[in-house]
Amino acid sequence: MTYVIAEPCVDVMDRACVEECPVDCIYEGGRALYIHPDECVDCGACEPVCPVEAIFYEDDLPEQWLPYLTDNADFFDELGSPGGAAKVGPTGYDAPLVKSLPPMATGD
C-alpha cells in the first residue's frame, strides 16, 4: 500500500509534502507531484501538510480519483526507482492522465 496524489495537486504543486517526506519519495513532474509506490514507507507525514488535500492513503482514495492510483505508478515506468527524488530533481514530464488534463485554475 502507498499514498497517492490526486487531481487537486495538478498545476498547484505546493511542495509542502516534499519537505515533510522523511524518505524523499515524492517526485516532481511537469504539472503534478507523484509518490513512488515502492519507496513510500506509508508514514503519512505528507498527508496533513497538503494545502489542497490531494494526498490520500491508497485505501481511502475517493472513487472519483481512483485513476490516479494507476497514473501515479505509471509516472515511474520510465524513471524506475532512483532511490530519492532530490537526486532526480524536476522531471518535466507527467503520467498520461495528468498530461491529458486541461490547465487547472490556480486561484490567482
PDB file of N, CA and C in Angstrom:
ATOM      1  N   MET A   1       0.834  -1.187   0.000  1.00  0.00           N
ATOM      2  CA  MET A   1       0.000   0.000   0.000  1.00  0.00           C
ATOM      3  C   MET A   1       0.879   1.252   0.000  1.00  0.00           C
ATOM      4  N   THR A   2       0.300   2.336  -0.471  1.00  0.00           N
ATOM      5  CA  THR A   2       1.044   3.578  -0.563  1.00  0.00           C
ATOM      6  C   THR A   2       0.085   4.762  -0.502  1.00  0.00           C
ATOM      7  N   TYR A   3       0.642   5.938  -0.481  1.00  0.00           N
ATOM      8  CA  TYR A   3      -0.134   7.155  -0.590  1.00  0.00           C
ATOM      9  C   TYR A   3      -0.163   7.575  -2.049  1.00  0.00           C
ATOM     10  N   VAL A   4      -1.210   8.299  -2.421  1.00  0.00           N
ATOM     11  CA  VAL A   4      -1.430   8.708  -3.805  1.00  0.00           C
ATOM     12  C   VAL A   4      -1.759  10.194  -3.824  1.00  0.00           C
ATOM     13  N   ILE A   5      -1.224  10.884  -4.807  1.00  0.00           N
ATOM     14  CA  ILE A   5      -1.546  12.295  -5.004  1.00  0.00           C
ATOM     15  C   ILE A   5      -2.552  12.389  -6.142  1.00  0.00           C
ATOM     16  N   ALA A   6      -3.686  13.036  -5.876  1.00  0.00           N
ATOM     17  CA  ALA A   6      -4.783  13.096  -6.840  1.00  0.00           C
ATOM     18  C   ALA A   6      -4.894  14.482  -7.497  1.00  0.00           C
ATOM     19  N   GLU A   7      -5.962  14.666  -8.220  1.00  0.00           N
ATOM     20  CA  GLU A   7      -6.177  15.832  -9.068  1.00  0.00           C
ATOM     21  C   GLU A   7      -6.013  17.205  -8.410  1.00  0.00           C
ATOM     22  N   PRO A   8      -6.365  17.400  -7.143  1.00  0.00           N
ATOM     23  CA  PRO A   8      -6.202  18.744  -6.575  1.00  0.00           C
ATOM     24  C   PRO A   8      -4.765  19.286  -6.640  1.00  0.00           C
ATOM     25  N   CYS A   9      -3.785  18.419  -6.828  1.00  0.00           N
ATOM     26  CA  CYS A   9      -2.389  18.855  -6.913  1.00  0.00           C
ATOM     27  C   CYS A   9      -2.016  19.369  -8.302  1.00  0.00           C
ATOM     28  N   VAL A  10      -2.752  18.959  -9.318  1.00  0.00           N
ATOM     29  CA  VAL A  10      -2.393  19.311 -10.697  1.00  0.00           C
ATOM     30  C   VAL A  10      -2.354  20.829 -10.858  1.00  0.00           C
ATOM     31  N   ASP A  11      -1.248  21.308 -11.368  1.00  0.00           N
ATOM     32  CA  ASP A  11      -0.971  22.725 -11.608  1.00  0.00           C
ATOM     33  C   ASP A  11      -0.862  23.545 -10.325  1.00  0.00           C
ATOM     34  N   VAL A  12      -0.776  22.887  -9.163  1.00  0.00           N
ATOM     35  CA  VAL A  12      -0.580  23.581  -7.890  1.00  0.00           C
ATOM     36  C   VAL A  12       0.827  23.302  -7.368  1.00  0.00           C
ATOM     37  N   MET A  13       1.131  22.043  -7.146  1.00  0.00           N
ATOM     38  CA  MET A  13       2.449  21.574  -6.698  1.00  0.00           C
ATOM     39  C   MET A  13       3.045  22.432  -5.586  1.00  0.00           C
ATOM     40  N   ASP A  14       2.367  22.522  -4.475  1.00  0.00           N
ATOM     41  CA  ASP A  14       2.791  23.331  -3.334  1.00  0.00           C
ATOM     42  C   ASP A  14       4.141  22.892  -2.753  1.00  0.00           C
ATOM     43  N   ARG A  15       4.441  21.617  -2.761  1.00  0.00           N
ATOM     44  CA  ARG A  15       5.695  21.018  -2.316  1.00  0.00           C
ATOM     45  C   ARG A  15       5.852  20.930  -0.794  1.00  0.00           C
ATOM     46  N   ALA A  16       4.841  21.297  -0.016  1.00  0.00           N
ATOM     47  CA  ALA A  16       4.943  21.125   1.439  1.00  0.00           C
ATOM     48  C   ALA A  16       5.141  19.651   1.766  1.00  0.00           C
ATOM     49  N   CYS A  17       4.518  18.790   0.990  1.00  0.00           N
ATOM     50  CA  CYS A  17       4.643  17.341   1.206  1.00  0.00           C
ATOM     51  C   CYS A  17       6.075  16.873   0.953  1.00  0.00           C
ATOM     52  N   VAL A  18       6.723  17.454  -0.033  1.00  0.00           N
ATOM     53  CA  VAL A  18       8.105  17.093  -0.361  1.00  0.00           C
ATOM     54  C   VAL A  18       9.012  17.410   0.822  1.00  0.00           C
ATOM     55  N   GLU A  19       8.801  18.577   1.410  1.00  0.00           N
ATOM     56  CA  GLU A  19       9.611  18.996   2.553  1.00  0.00           C
ATOM     57  C   GLU A  19       9.389  18.098   3.764  1.00  0.00           C
ATOM     58  N   GLU A  20       8.187  17.566   3.903  1.00  0.00           N
ATOM     59  CA  GLU A  20       7.825  16.760   5.070  1.00  0.00           C
ATOM     60  C   GLU A  20       8.215  15.290   4.934  1.00  0.00           C
ATOM     61  N   CYS A  21       8.374  14.810   3.719  1.00  0.00           N
ATOM     62  CA  CYS A  21       8.627  13.384   3.467  1.00  0.00           C
ATOM     63  C   CYS A  21      10.006  12.959   3.990  1.00  0.00           C
ATOM     64  N   PRO A  22      10.052  12.017   4.946  1.00  0.00           N
ATOM     65  CA  PRO A  22      11.335  11.607   5.517  1.00  0.00           C
ATOM     66  C   PRO A  22      12.161  10.682   4.621  1.00  0.00           C
ATOM     67  N   VAL A  23      11.545  10.124   3.581  1.00  0.00           N
ATOM     68  CA  VAL A  23      12.286   9.198   2.717  1.00  0.00           C
ATOM     69  C   VAL A  23      12.483   9.727   1.303  1.00  0.00           C
ATOM     70  N   ASP A  24      12.098  10.975   1.045  1.00  0.00           N
ATOM     71  CA  ASP A  24      12.355  11.612  -0.243  1.00  0.00           C
ATOM     72  C   ASP A  24      11.746  10.820  -1.406  1.00  0.00           C
ATOM     73  N   CYS A  25      10.468  10.418  -1.264  1.00  0.00           N
ATOM     74  CA  CYS A  25       9.840   9.591  -2.296  1.00  0.00           C
ATOM     75  C   CYS A  25       8.799  10.332  -3.116  1.00  0.00           C
ATOM     76  N   ILE A  26       8.728  11.664  -2.981  1.00  0.00           N
ATOM     77  CA  ILE A  26       7.762  12.450  -3.747  1.00  0.00           C
ATOM     78  C   ILE A  26       8.506  13.176  -4.860  1.00  0.00           C
ATOM     79  N   TYR A  27       8.179  12.787  -6.084  1.00  0.00           N
ATOM     80  CA  TYR A  27       8.885  13.266  -7.270  1.00  0.00           C
ATOM     81  C   TYR A  27       8.068  14.337  -7.980  1.00  0.00           C
ATOM     82  N   GLU A  28       8.777  15.260  -8.627  1.00  0.00           N
ATOM     83  CA  GLU A  28       8.124  16.378  -9.295  1.00  0.00           C
ATOM     84  C   GLU A  28       8.024  16.142 -10.794  1.00  0.00           C
ATOM     85  N   GLY A  29       6.788  16.142 -11.281  1.00  0.00           N
ATOM     86  CA  GLY A  29       6.544  16.090 -12.708  1.00  0.00           C
ATOM     87  C   GLY A  29       6.411  17.496 -13.255  1.00  0.00           C
ATOM     88  N   GLY A  30       5.894  17.618 -14.448  1.00  0.00           N
ATOM     89  CA  GLY A  30       5.705  18.931 -15.043  1.00  0.00           C
ATOM     90  C   GLY A  30       4.548  19.700 -14.448  1.00  0.00           C
ATOM     91  N   ARG A  31       3.464  18.972 -14.107  1.00  0.00           N
ATOM     92  CA  ARG A  31       2.253  19.624 -13.603  1.00  0.00           C
ATOM     93  C   ARG A  31       1.767  19.071 -12.275  1.00  0.00           C
ATOM     94  N   ALA A  32       2.368  18.002 -11.796  1.00  0.00           N
ATOM     95  CA  ALA A  32       1.902  17.366 -10.559  1.00  0.00           C
ATOM     96  C   ALA A  32       3.066  16.699  -9.846  1.00  0.00           C
ATOM     97  N   LEU A  33       2.817  16.331  -8.600  1.00  0.00           N
ATOM     98  CA  LEU A  33       3.786  15.575  -7.809  1.00  0.00           C
ATOM     99  C   LEU A  33       3.321  14.127  -7.755  1.00  0.00           C
ATOM    100  N   TYR A  34       4.268  13.202  -7.594  1.00  0.00           N
ATOM    101  CA  TYR A  34       3.969  11.780  -7.619  1.00  0.00           C
ATOM    102  C   TYR A  34       4.714  11.075  -6.491  1.00  0.00           C
ATOM    103  N   ILE A  35       4.029  10.166  -5.802  1.00  0.00           N
ATOM    104  CA  ILE A  35       4.636   9.395  -4.725  1.00  0.00           C
ATOM    105  C   ILE A  35       5.056   8.038  -5.274  1.00  0.00           C
ATOM    106  N   HIS A  36       6.326   7.719  -5.119  1.00  0.00           N
ATOM    107  CA  HIS A  36       6.834   6.444  -5.627  1.00  0.00           C
ATOM    108  C   HIS A  36       6.248   5.305  -4.792  1.00  0.00           C
ATOM    109  N   PRO A  37       5.499   4.394  -5.417  1.00  0.00           N
ATOM    110  CA  PRO A  37       4.823   3.346  -4.644  1.00  0.00           C
ATOM    111  C   PRO A  37       5.763   2.355  -3.958  1.00  0.00           C
ATOM    112  N   ASP A  38       6.978   2.182  -4.472  1.00  0.00           N
ATOM    113  CA  ASP A  38       7.924   1.253  -3.860  1.00  0.00           C
ATOM    114  C   ASP A  38       8.831   1.921  -2.830  1.00  0.00           C
ATOM    115  N   GLU A  39       8.963   3.227  -2.893  1.00  0.00           N
ATOM    116  CA  GLU A  39       9.834   3.946  -1.968  1.00  0.00           C
ATOM    117  C   GLU A  39       9.077   4.508  -0.768  1.00  0.00           C
ATOM    118  N   CYS A  40       7.772   4.699  -0.902  1.00  0.00           N
ATOM    119  CA  CYS A  40       6.943   5.229   0.185  1.00  0.00           C
ATOM    120  C   CYS A  40       6.899   4.221   1.331  1.00  0.00           C
ATOM    121  N   VAL A  41       7.087   4.710   2.553  1.00  0.00           N
ATOM    122  CA  VAL A  41       7.065   3.834   3.733  1.00  0.00           C
ATOM    123  C   VAL A  41       5.750   3.968   4.507  1.00  0.00           C
ATOM    124  N   ASP A  42       4.773   4.595   3.900  1.00  0.00           N
ATOM    125  CA  ASP A  42       3.433   4.724   4.479  1.00  0.00           C
ATOM    126  C   ASP A  42       3.421   5.427   5.832  1.00  0.00           C
ATOM    127  N   CYS A  43       4.286   6.398   6.025  1.00  0.00           N
ATOM    128  CA  CYS A  43       4.339   7.096   7.315  1.00  0.00           C
ATOM    129  C   CYS A  43       3.198   8.096   7.469  1.00  0.00           C
ATOM    130  N   GLY A  44       2.688   8.612   6.341  1.00  0.00           N
ATOM    131  CA  GLY A  44       1.582   9.559   6.389  1.00  0.00           C
ATOM    132  C   GLY A  44       1.968  10.990   6.679  1.00  0.00           C
ATOM    133  N   ALA A  45       3.248  11.293   6.768  1.00  0.00           N
ATOM    134  CA  ALA A  45       3.681  12.657   7.101  1.00  0.00           C
ATOM    135  C   ALA A  45       3.252  13.676   6.047  1.00  0.00           C
ATOM    136  N   CYS A  46       3.136  13.245   4.819  1.00  0.00           N
ATOM    137  CA  CYS A  46       2.794  14.151   3.724  1.00  0.00           C
ATOM    138  C   CYS A  46       1.331  14.582   3.724  1.00  0.00           C
ATOM    139  N   GLU A  47       0.456  13.704   4.139  1.00  0.00           N
ATOM    140  CA  GLU A  47      -0.990  13.938   4.014  1.00  0.00           C
ATOM    141  C   GLU A  47      -1.480  15.192   4.737  1.00  0.00           C
ATOM    142  N   PRO A  48      -1.174  15.396   6.014  1.00  0.00           N
ATOM    143  CA  PRO A  48      -1.745  16.560   6.708  1.00  0.00           C
ATOM    144  C   PRO A  48      -1.164  17.906   6.279  1.00  0.00           C
ATOM    145  N   VAL A  49      -0.015  17.932   5.627  1.00  0.00           N
ATOM    146  CA  VAL A  49       0.579  19.215   5.240  1.00  0.00           C
ATOM    147  C   VAL A  49       0.153  19.680   3.849  1.00  0.00           C
ATOM    148  N   CYS A  50      -0.570  18.853   3.118  1.00  0.00           N
ATOM    149  CA  CYS A  50      -1.005  19.225   1.770  1.00  0.00           C
ATOM    150  C   CYS A  50      -2.109  20.279   1.865  1.00  0.00           C
ATOM    151  N   PRO A  51      -1.854  21.492   1.350  1.00  0.00           N
ATOM    152  CA  PRO A  51      -2.837  22.565   1.488  1.00  0.00           C
ATOM    153  C   PRO A  51      -4.078  22.383   0.614  1.00  0.00           C
ATOM    154  N   VAL A  52      -4.008  21.517  -0.394  1.00  0.00           N
ATOM    155  CA  VAL A  52      -5.161  21.304  -1.273  1.00  0.00           C
ATOM    156  C   VAL A  52      -5.806  19.937  -1.046  1.00  0.00           C
ATOM    157  N   GLU A  53      -5.372  19.235  -0.002  1.00  0.00           N
ATOM    158  CA  GLU A  53      -5.919  17.932   0.367  1.00  0.00           C
ATOM    159  C   GLU A  53      -5.949  16.967  -0.820  1.00  0.00           C
ATOM    160  N   ALA A  54      -4.797  16.826  -1.476  1.00  0.00           N
ATOM    161  CA  ALA A  54      -4.678  15.971  -2.660  1.00  0.00           C
ATOM    162  C   ALA A  54      -4.089  14.607  -2.346  1.00  0.00           C
ATOM    163  N   ILE A  55      -3.611  14.381  -1.128  1.00  0.00           N
ATOM    164  CA  ILE A  55      -2.915  13.141  -0.792  1.00  0.00           C
ATOM    165  C   ILE A  55      -3.830  12.229   0.013  1.00  0.00           C
ATOM    166  N   PHE A  56      -3.908  10.983  -0.452  1.00  0.00           N
ATOM    167  CA  PHE A  56      -4.783  10.001   0.188  1.00  0.00           C
ATOM    168  C   PHE A  56      -4.046   8.681   0.346  1.00  0.00           C
ATOM    169  N   TYR A  57      -4.342   7.984   1.431  1.00  0.00           N
ATOM    170  CA  TYR A  57      -3.877   6.609   1.545  1.00  0.00           C
ATOM    171  C   TYR A  57      -4.611   5.817   0.476  1.00  0.00           C
ATOM    172  N   GLU A  58      -3.938   4.901  -0.145  1.00  0.00           N
ATOM    173  CA  GLU A  58      -4.492   4.144  -1.272  1.00  0.00           C
ATOM    174  C   GLU A  58      -5.908   3.623  -0.993  1.00  0.00           C
ATOM    175  N   ASP A  59      -6.136   3.056   0.164  1.00  0.00           N
ATOM    176  CA  ASP A  59      -7.454   2.503   0.501  1.00  0.00           C
ATOM    177  C   ASP A  59      -8.514   3.576   0.735  1.00  0.00           C
ATOM    178  N   ASP A  60      -8.094   4.817   0.956  1.00  0.00           N
ATOM    179  CA  ASP A  60      -9.021   5.911   1.224  1.00  0.00           C
ATOM    180  C   ASP A  60      -9.211   6.838   0.024  1.00  0.00           C
ATOM    181  N   LEU A  61      -8.645   6.478  -1.106  1.00  0.00           N
ATOM    182  CA  LEU A  61      -8.734   7.309  -2.309  1.00  0.00           C
ATOM    183  C   LEU A  61     -10.195   7.397  -2.757  1.00  0.00           C
ATOM    184  N   PRO A  62     -10.749   8.612  -2.860  1.00  0.00           N
ATOM    185  CA  PRO A  62     -12.137   8.744  -3.304  1.00  0.00           C
ATOM    186  C   PRO A  62     -12.329   8.117  -4.692  1.00  0.00           C
ATOM    187  N   GLU A  63     -13.482   7.551  -4.905  1.00  0.00           N
ATOM    188  CA  GLU A  63     -13.761   6.839  -6.161  1.00  0.00           C
ATOM    189  C   GLU A  63     -13.481   7.700  -7.389  1.00  0.00           C
ATOM    190  N   GLN A  64     -13.806   8.980  -7.326  1.00  0.00           N
ATOM    191  CA  GLN A  64     -13.596   9.866  -8.474  1.00  0.00           C
ATOM    192  C   GLN A  64     -12.118   9.988  -8.854  1.00  0.00           C
ATOM    193  N   TRP A  65     -11.232   9.685  -7.908  1.00  0.00           N
ATOM    194  CA  TRP A  65      -9.809   9.830  -8.171  1.00  0.00           C
ATOM    195  C   TRP A  65      -9.069   8.501  -8.214  1.00  0.00           C
ATOM    196  N   LEU A  66      -9.785   7.394  -8.300  1.00  0.00           N
ATOM    197  CA  LEU A  66      -9.139   6.082  -8.394  1.00  0.00           C
ATOM    198  C   LEU A  66      -8.171   5.979  -9.571  1.00  0.00           C
ATOM    199  N   PRO A  67      -8.434   6.606 -10.718  1.00  0.00           N
ATOM    200  CA  PRO A  67      -7.472   6.526 -11.823  1.00  0.00           C
ATOM    201  C   PRO A  67      -6.083   7.078 -11.472  1.00  0.00           C
ATOM    202  N   TYR A  68      -6.004   7.914 -10.447  1.00  0.00           N
ATOM    203  CA  TYR A  68      -4.703   8.461 -10.053  1.00  0.00           C
ATOM    204  C   TYR A  68      -3.798   7.418  -9.407  1.00  0.00           C
ATOM    205  N   LEU A  69      -4.362   6.350  -8.899  1.00  0.00           N
ATOM    206  CA  LEU A  69      -3.559   5.265  -8.347  1.00  0.00           C
ATOM    207  C   LEU A  69      -2.675   4.674  -9.443  1.00  0.00           C
ATOM    208  N   THR A  70      -3.266   4.375 -10.572  1.00  0.00           N
ATOM    209  CA  THR A  70      -2.517   3.842 -11.715  1.00  0.00           C
ATOM    210  C   THR A  70      -1.618   4.909 -12.318  1.00  0.00           C
ATOM    211  N   ASP A  71      -2.136   6.127 -12.425  1.00  0.00           N
ATOM    212  CA  ASP A  71      -1.356   7.204 -13.038  1.00  0.00           C
ATOM    213  C   ASP A  71      -0.093   7.499 -12.241  1.00  0.00           C
ATOM    214  N   ASN A  72      -0.197   7.487 -10.900  1.00  0.00           N
ATOM    215  CA  ASN A  72       0.984   7.703 -10.070  1.00  0.00           C
ATOM    216  C   ASN A  72       2.020   6.621 -10.320  1.00  0.00           C
ATOM    217  N   ALA A  73       1.576   5.371 -10.429  1.00  0.00           N
ATOM    218  CA  ALA A  73       2.503   4.267 -10.709  1.00  0.00           C
ATOM    219  C   ALA A  73       3.083   4.392 -12.115  1.00  0.00           C
ATOM    220  N   ASP A  74       2.249   4.804 -13.083  1.00  0.00           N
ATOM    221  CA  ASP A  74       2.717   4.947 -14.473  1.00  0.00           C
ATOM    222  C   ASP A  74       3.830   5.985 -14.599  1.00  0.00           C
ATOM    223  N   PHE A  75       3.807   6.987 -13.751  1.00  0.00           N
ATOM    224  CA  PHE A  75       4.841   8.025 -13.795  1.00  0.00           C
ATOM    225  C   PHE A  75       6.236   7.414 -13.660  1.00  0.00           C
ATOM    226  N   PHE A  76       6.324   6.304 -12.933  1.00  0.00           N
ATOM    227  CA  PHE A  76       7.626   5.695 -12.651  1.00  0.00           C
ATOM    228  C   PHE A  76       8.023   4.598 -13.637  1.00  0.00           C
ATOM    229  N   ASP A  77       7.200   4.339 -14.658  1.00  0.00           N
ATOM    230  CA  ASP A  77       7.536   3.313 -15.652  1.00  0.00           C
ATOM    231  C   ASP A  77       8.899   3.569 -16.277  1.00  0.00           C
ATOM    232  N   GLU A  78       9.116   4.782 -16.727  1.00  0.00           N
ATOM    233  CA  GLU A  78      10.391   5.124 -17.368  1.00  0.00           C
ATOM    234  C   GLU A  78      11.463   5.507 -16.344  1.00  0.00           C
ATOM    235  N   LEU A  79      11.057   6.178 -15.291  1.00  0.00           N
ATOM    236  CA  LEU A  79      12.000   6.664 -14.278  1.00  0.00           C
ATOM    237  C   LEU A  79      12.581   5.547 -13.425  1.00  0.00           C
ATOM    238  N   GLY A  80      11.790   4.506 -13.201  1.00  0.00           N
ATOM    239  CA  GLY A  80      12.246   3.407 -12.352  1.00  0.00           C
ATOM    240  C   GLY A  80      12.197   3.791 -10.891  1.00  0.00           C
ATOM    241  N   SER A  81      13.148   3.256 -10.122  1.00  0.00           N
ATOM    242  CA  SER A  81      13.227   3.535  -8.695  1.00  0.00           C
ATOM    243  C   SER A  81      14.607   4.099  -8.381  1.00  0.00           C
ATOM    244  N   PRO A  82      14.771   5.404  -8.565  1.00  0.00           N
ATOM    245  CA  PRO A  82      16.087   6.013  -8.379  1.00  0.00           C
ATOM    246  C   PRO A  82      16.545   6.124  -6.934  1.00  0.00           C
ATOM    247  N   GLY A  83      15.654   5.888  -5.978  1.00  0.00           N
ATOM    248  CA  GLY A  83      16.058   5.923  -4.583  1.00  0.00           C
ATOM    249  C   GLY A  83      16.105   7.296  -3.967  1.00  0.00           C
ATOM    250  N   GLY A  84      15.316   8.205  -4.474  1.00  0.00           N
ATOM    251  CA  GLY A  84      15.232   9.540  -3.879  1.00  0.00           C
ATOM    252  C   GLY A  84      14.978  10.608  -4.914  1.00  0.00           C
ATOM    253  N   ALA A  85      14.005  11.450  -4.635  1.00  0.00           N
ATOM    254  CA  ALA A  85      13.613  12.489  -5.566  1.00  0.00           C
ATOM    255  C   ALA A  85      14.633  13.620  -5.665  1.00  0.00           C
ATOM    256  N   ALA A  86      15.348  13.902  -4.590  1.00  0.00           N
ATOM    257  CA  ALA A  86      16.283  15.032  -4.587  1.00  0.00           C
ATOM    258  C   ALA A  86      17.371  14.865  -5.640  1.00  0.00           C
ATOM    259  N   LYS A  87      17.843  13.646  -5.824  1.00  0.00           N
ATOM    260  CA  LYS A  87      18.905  13.452  -6.816  1.00  0.00           C
ATOM    261  C   LYS A  87      18.393  13.491  -8.245  1.00  0.00           C
ATOM    262  N   VAL A  88      17.064  13.354  -8.421  1.00  0.00           N
ATOM    263  CA  VAL A  88      16.464  13.399  -9.760  1.00  0.00           C
ATOM    264  C   VAL A  88      16.073  14.823 -10.134  1.00  0.00           C
ATOM    265  N   GLY A  89      15.480  15.552  -9.183  1.00  0.00           N
ATOM    266  CA  GLY A  89      15.012  16.904  -9.454  1.00  0.00           C
ATOM    267  C   GLY A  89      13.746  16.889 -10.286  1.00  0.00           C
ATOM    268  N   PRO A  90      13.283  18.055 -10.716  1.00  0.00           N
ATOM    269  CA  PRO A  90      12.078  18.125 -11.542  1.00  0.00           C
ATOM    270  C   PRO A  90      12.270  17.352 -12.840  1.00  0.00           C
ATOM    271  N   THR A  91      11.281  16.542 -13.197  1.00  0.00           N
ATOM    272  CA  THR A  91      11.418  15.711 -14.396  1.00  0.00           C
ATOM    273  C   THR A  91      10.905  16.396 -15.647  1.00  0.00           C
ATOM    274  N   GLY A  92       9.940  17.297 -15.483  1.00  0.00           N
ATOM    275  CA  GLY A  92       9.390  17.985 -16.640  1.00  0.00           C
ATOM    276  C   GLY A  92       8.354  17.177 -17.409  1.00  0.00           C
ATOM    277  N   TYR A  93       8.090  15.970 -17.007  1.00  0.00           N
ATOM    278  CA  TYR A  93       7.056  15.183 -17.685  1.00  0.00           C
ATOM    279  C   TYR A  93       6.028  14.687 -16.676  1.00  0.00           C
ATOM    280  N   ASP A  94       4.890  14.228 -17.208  1.00  0.00           N
ATOM    281  CA  ASP A  94       3.812  13.739 -16.366  1.00  0.00           C
ATOM    282  C   ASP A  94       3.292  12.405 -16.871  1.00  0.00           C
ATOM    283  N   ALA A  95       2.569  11.720 -15.996  1.00  0.00           N
ATOM    284  CA  ALA A  95       1.918  10.467 -16.361  1.00  0.00           C
ATOM    285  C   ALA A  95       0.755  10.787 -17.311  1.00  0.00           C
ATOM    286  N   PRO A  96       0.275   9.796 -18.051  1.00  0.00           N
ATOM    287  CA  PRO A  96      -0.738  10.028 -19.094  1.00  0.00           C
ATOM    288  C   PRO A  96      -2.000  10.769 -18.650  1.00  0.00           C
ATOM    289  N   LEU A  97      -2.564  10.417 -17.511  1.00  0.00           N
ATOM    290  CA  LEU A  97      -3.798  11.076 -17.069  1.00  0.00           C
ATOM    291  C   LEU A  97      -3.566  12.556 -16.817  1.00  0.00           C
ATOM    292  N   VAL A  98      -2.552  12.872 -16.051  1.00  0.00           N
ATOM    293  CA  VAL A  98      -2.256  14.277 -15.748  1.00  0.00           C
ATOM    294  C   VAL A  98      -1.921  15.041 -17.024  1.00  0.00           C
ATOM    295  N   LYS A  99      -1.153  14.435 -17.896  1.00  0.00           N
ATOM    296  CA  LYS A  99      -0.773  15.073 -19.154  1.00  0.00           C
ATOM    297  C   LYS A  99      -2.007  15.417 -19.994  1.00  0.00           C
ATOM    298  N   SER A 100      -3.039  14.596 -19.924  1.00  0.00           N
ATOM    299  CA  SER A 100      -4.225  14.784 -20.749  1.00  0.00           C
ATOM    300  C   SER A 100      -5.194  15.843 -20.204  1.00  0.00           C
ATOM    301  N   LEU A 101      -5.010  16.272 -18.985  1.00  0.00           N
ATOM    302  CA  LEU A 101      -5.943  17.230 -18.369  1.00  0.00           C
ATOM    303  C   LEU A 101      -5.760  18.636 -18.916  1.00  0.00           C
ATOM    304  N   PRO A 102      -6.856  19.378 -19.014  1.00  0.00           N
ATOM    305  CA  PRO A 102      -6.725  20.801 -19.390  1.00  0.00           C
ATOM    306  C   PRO A 102      -6.067  21.550 -18.237  1.00  0.00           C
ATOM    307  N   PRO A 103      -5.548  22.732 -18.479  1.00  0.00           N
ATOM    308  CA  PRO A 103      -4.965  23.509 -17.381  1.00  0.00           C
ATOM    309  C   PRO A 103      -5.995  23.722 -16.271  1.00  0.00           C
ATOM    310  N   MET A 104      -5.528  23.580 -15.038  1.00  0.00           N
ATOM    311  CA  MET A 104      -6.406  23.736 -13.881  1.00  0.00           C
ATOM    312  C   MET A 104      -6.301  25.159 -13.362  1.00  0.00           C
ATOM    313  N   ALA A 105      -7.384  25.685 -12.850  1.00  0.00           N
ATOM    314  CA  ALA A 105      -7.387  27.026 -12.263  1.00  0.00           C
ATOM    315  C   ALA A 105      -6.527  27.004 -11.011  1.00  0.00           C
ATOM    316  N   THR A 106      -5.671  27.980 -10.861  1.00  0.00           N
ATOM    317  CA  THR A 106      -4.795  28.038  -9.702  1.00  0.00           C
ATOM    318  C   THR A 106      -5.301  29.005  -8.644  1.00  0.00           C
ATOM    319  N   GLY A 107      -6.364  29.733  -8.943  1.00  0.00           N
ATOM    320  CA  GLY A 107      -6.935  30.653  -7.958  1.00  0.00           C
ATOM    321  C   GLY A 107      -6.224  31.994  -7.887  1.00  0.00           C
ATOM    322  N   ASP A 108      -5.306  32.248  -8.790  1.00  0.00           N
ATOM    323  CA  ASP A 108      -4.584  33.532  -8.784  1.00  0.00           C
ATOM    324  C   ASP A 108      -5.394  34.631  -9.407  1.00  0.00           C
TER     325      ASP A 108
END
